[in-house]
Protein backbone atom coordinates (compact mmCIF):
# COMPACT_ATOMS: atom_id res chain seq x y z
CA VAL A 1 -17.10 -13.79 6.09
CA GLN A 2 -17.43 -16.78 8.39
CA LEU A 3 -15.13 -17.82 11.22
CA VAL A 4 -15.67 -21.06 13.14
CA GLU A 5 -13.53 -21.78 16.17
CA SER A 6 -13.09 -25.24 17.69
CA GLY A 7 -10.83 -27.24 19.96
CA GLY A 8 -11.65 -25.80 23.34
CA GLY A 9 -12.33 -27.85 26.43
CA LEU A 10 -11.41 -28.54 30.02
CA VAL A 11 -7.72 -29.02 30.74
CA GLN A 12 -5.64 -29.21 33.91
CA PRO A 13 -3.06 -26.53 34.72
CA GLY A 14 0.13 -27.26 32.81
CA GLY A 15 -1.76 -28.99 30.03
CA SER A 16 -2.07 -28.20 26.34
CA LEU A 17 -4.77 -27.56 23.77
CA ARG A 18 -4.79 -26.69 20.10
CA LEU A 19 -7.49 -24.38 18.85
CA SER A 20 -8.55 -24.16 15.21
CA CYS A 21 -10.40 -21.48 13.29
CA ALA A 22 -11.84 -22.32 9.90
CA ALA A 23 -12.34 -19.26 7.70
CA SER A 24 -14.46 -18.75 4.63
CA GLY A 25 -15.94 -15.96 2.55
CA PHE A 26 -12.72 -14.09 1.87
CA THR A 27 -9.25 -14.62 0.42
CA PHE A 28 -7.69 -16.18 3.49
CA ARG A 29 -4.10 -16.32 2.26
CA SER A 30 -3.93 -12.55 1.84
CA LYS A 31 -5.26 -11.58 5.27
CA ASP A 32 -3.53 -11.28 8.62
CA MET A 33 -5.26 -13.33 11.31
CA THR A 34 -5.54 -12.86 15.05
CA TRP A 35 -6.71 -14.66 18.17
CA TYR A 36 -8.51 -12.87 20.98
CA ARG A 37 -9.94 -14.11 24.25
CA GLN A 38 -12.53 -12.94 26.73
CA ALA A 39 -12.48 -14.12 30.31
CA PRO A 40 -15.62 -14.00 32.46
CA GLY A 41 -16.35 -10.43 33.50
CA LYS A 42 -13.44 -8.99 31.51
CA GLU A 43 -12.91 -7.15 28.25
CA ARG A 44 -11.93 -9.04 25.13
CA GLU A 45 -8.15 -9.00 24.79
CA TRP A 46 -5.79 -9.57 21.89
CA VAL A 47 -3.68 -12.73 22.19
CA ALA A 48 -1.70 -13.30 19.00
CA GLU A 49 -1.40 -12.33 15.34
CA ILE A 50 0.10 -13.90 12.25
CA SER A 51 1.02 -12.03 9.10
CA SER A 52 -0.25 -13.08 5.68
CA ARG A 53 2.81 -11.57 4.01
CA ASP A 54 5.65 -13.44 5.70
CA GLY A 55 4.12 -15.55 8.46
CA SER A 56 5.64 -13.41 11.18
CA THR A 57 3.94 -13.59 14.55
CA ARG A 58 3.29 -11.38 17.57
CA TYR A 59 2.04 -12.29 21.02
CA ALA A 60 0.63 -10.68 24.11
CA ASP A 61 3.15 -10.69 26.95
CA SER A 62 0.84 -12.89 28.99
CA VAL A 63 1.13 -15.80 26.53
CA LYS A 64 4.55 -15.27 24.99
CA GLY A 65 6.63 -18.44 25.13
CA ARG A 66 3.59 -20.62 25.83
CA PHE A 67 1.28 -20.08 22.84
CA THR A 68 2.05 -20.46 19.14
CA ILE A 69 -0.09 -19.14 16.31
CA SER A 70 0.17 -20.74 12.88
CA ARG A 71 -1.79 -20.94 9.66
CA ASP A 72 -2.51 -23.33 6.82
CA ASN A 73 -3.52 -21.34 3.78
CA ALA A 74 -4.53 -24.43 1.82
CA LYS A 75 -7.02 -25.34 4.56
CA LYS A 76 -7.98 -21.71 5.26
CA THR A 77 -7.39 -22.37 8.92
CA VAL A 78 -5.51 -20.59 11.68
CA TYR A 79 -4.37 -22.43 14.79
CA LEU A 80 -3.41 -21.57 18.34
CA GLN A 81 -1.24 -24.11 20.13
CA MET A 82 -1.48 -23.46 23.85
CA ASN A 83 1.02 -25.07 26.21
CA SER A 84 1.69 -24.72 29.94
CA LEU A 85 -1.85 -23.55 30.43
CA LYS A 86 -2.74 -21.59 33.57
CA PRO A 87 -6.08 -21.00 35.26
CA GLU A 88 -5.89 -17.37 34.11
CA ASP A 89 -6.00 -18.59 30.51
CA THR A 90 -9.62 -19.61 31.06
CA ALA A 91 -11.69 -17.70 28.51
CA VAL A 92 -13.69 -17.91 25.33
CA TYR A 93 -11.22 -17.75 22.45
CA TYR A 94 -12.08 -16.06 19.15
CA CYS A 95 -10.28 -15.66 15.86
CA ASN A 96 -10.60 -12.56 13.71
CA ALA A 97 -9.33 -11.12 10.46
CA PRO A 98 -8.34 -7.49 11.15
CA ALA A 99 -9.44 -6.60 7.62
CA PHE A 100 -13.00 -7.51 8.71
CA PRO A 101 -13.24 -6.22 12.28
CA ARG A 102 -17.01 -6.65 12.56
CA TYR A 103 -16.96 -10.37 11.87
CA TRP A 104 -16.52 -12.76 14.75
CA GLY A 105 -17.24 -16.42 15.30
CA LYS A 106 -19.02 -17.86 18.32
CA GLY A 107 -15.72 -18.68 19.98
CA THR A 108 -14.54 -21.79 21.77
CA LEU A 109 -14.41 -22.11 25.55
CA VAL A 110 -11.14 -23.03 27.24
CA THR A 111 -11.32 -23.90 30.93
CA VAL A 112 -8.10 -24.50 32.84
CA SER A 113 -8.86 -26.07 36.17
CA SER A 114 -7.86 -28.97 38.37
């Protein structure tokens, strides 16, 4: 199992970023996928999840209405579109397949600052 996140960077408050997570080593289309984040000095927290069965999505209250998770099974990639970013969204963002809880990528850093 390999997960490689990308797309992070520095963005001003109110801006947008799209994160990507390329997956390999398992049957991507049959696995639910999630995004987590870890802010400096804080615990890792769940952000969003997308179902493999019907594409349904769930979000943490803190990002609901601003973030959108999606997937492309042909590319074995899960995305996180982040809009209206706030300084409190600053964190390292990770993707994960709940079926393989021990496997994590290196993450991608998102910094929201003016």
